Amino acid sequence: MHSVHDRTIHLRDGRTLGYAEYGAPDGLPVVYTHGGLSCRLDVAAGATIAQQNGIRLISVDRPGIGLSDPKPGRTVADWADDVAELRDQLGSIDTFAAMGWSMGGQYALALGYALPASVTRVAVITGGLPLTEPGRFAQMPPVDRAYIRMSQRAPWLARRCLGFMGFAARYTPRLFTHLAVRDLPPADSAVVRAEESPSFAQTSAEALRHPAGHVEDYLAAMRPWGFAPEDLAVPVDVWGGADDKFLDPGWPAELARRIPGATLNTRPGGHFMAHLHWQEIFDAVRR
């Protein structure tokens, strides 16, 4: 695991918001939003390349996850209020790029939509489309559909299942990683194998220490975003993995088509394709 600087701030409504910083402390600020069933630590693999390229990665835990307090009933668009407070409290940031991986993609878009005077560019890495649109839910992977339905219909059971996963990641990290690698598609298991083995379990253990936060994350995914892809007015780069088995293969192209002026970048790799293309992604956010 790369060196991580964990920090928290107190928001006006009394909640705590947690984040970690990686890369160059005085570099170009990039606010990063983590994927589903993950946390602020999942961008650590990009830390060295961020440092080399003068990127200051500010990776923020969504409400109820990691170091951040919960916010029941939240929507994707609400994320912009929390990040705006973070921007103001950091003081040294007037403008920044926004980046989000997987489920974090829509949250990065929310920043571009709600804070266009602050956000210079958005990078969506293997991100999705609004699940409230007809037919979208059926295009989700079976495991995601199962956890979403469980979160809606039996949240206590979802919390218990996710809690067990977190326990396994914390106390049997080698076994947890072995089972994850076994079950991941080949392109993604190769990424996990190639990187430092404890980091995958450590990220999962931290992410899942508050299972209720991920239940709420799933519920938020099924609420209207609060904006449409067509509403974006800042430059957006959409990144997709040619071998992504977690995302419907047509989603990156459709998302890019619907966002005015967006650029579609399809590269070799799976859902974790960013780990193979950090340099190109960081080059793009600097434009």
Foldseek 3Di string as FASTA:
>chain_A
DDDWDKDWDADPVGKIKIKIKAAAPQAAEEEEEEAALFARLPCVLLRVVRNVVRYIYIYIGDDLFQRTHHDFPDALLCLLVVVVVVQVVVPPAQAHAYEYAACGQSSSLSNLLPPVRRHQEYEYALYFFQPQDPPRLVQFPPVLNVLLVCLVPPVVVQLVVLLVLLVCLVPVVVVSLVVVLVPDPPLVSVLCVVDDVNSVSVRSNSGSPRSSRSSSVSVNSNDDNPDHLLSGDHEYEYEAAPAAPRGRVCGSVVSQVNHPPYHYHYDHGYSVCCSVPVNVVVVVSVD
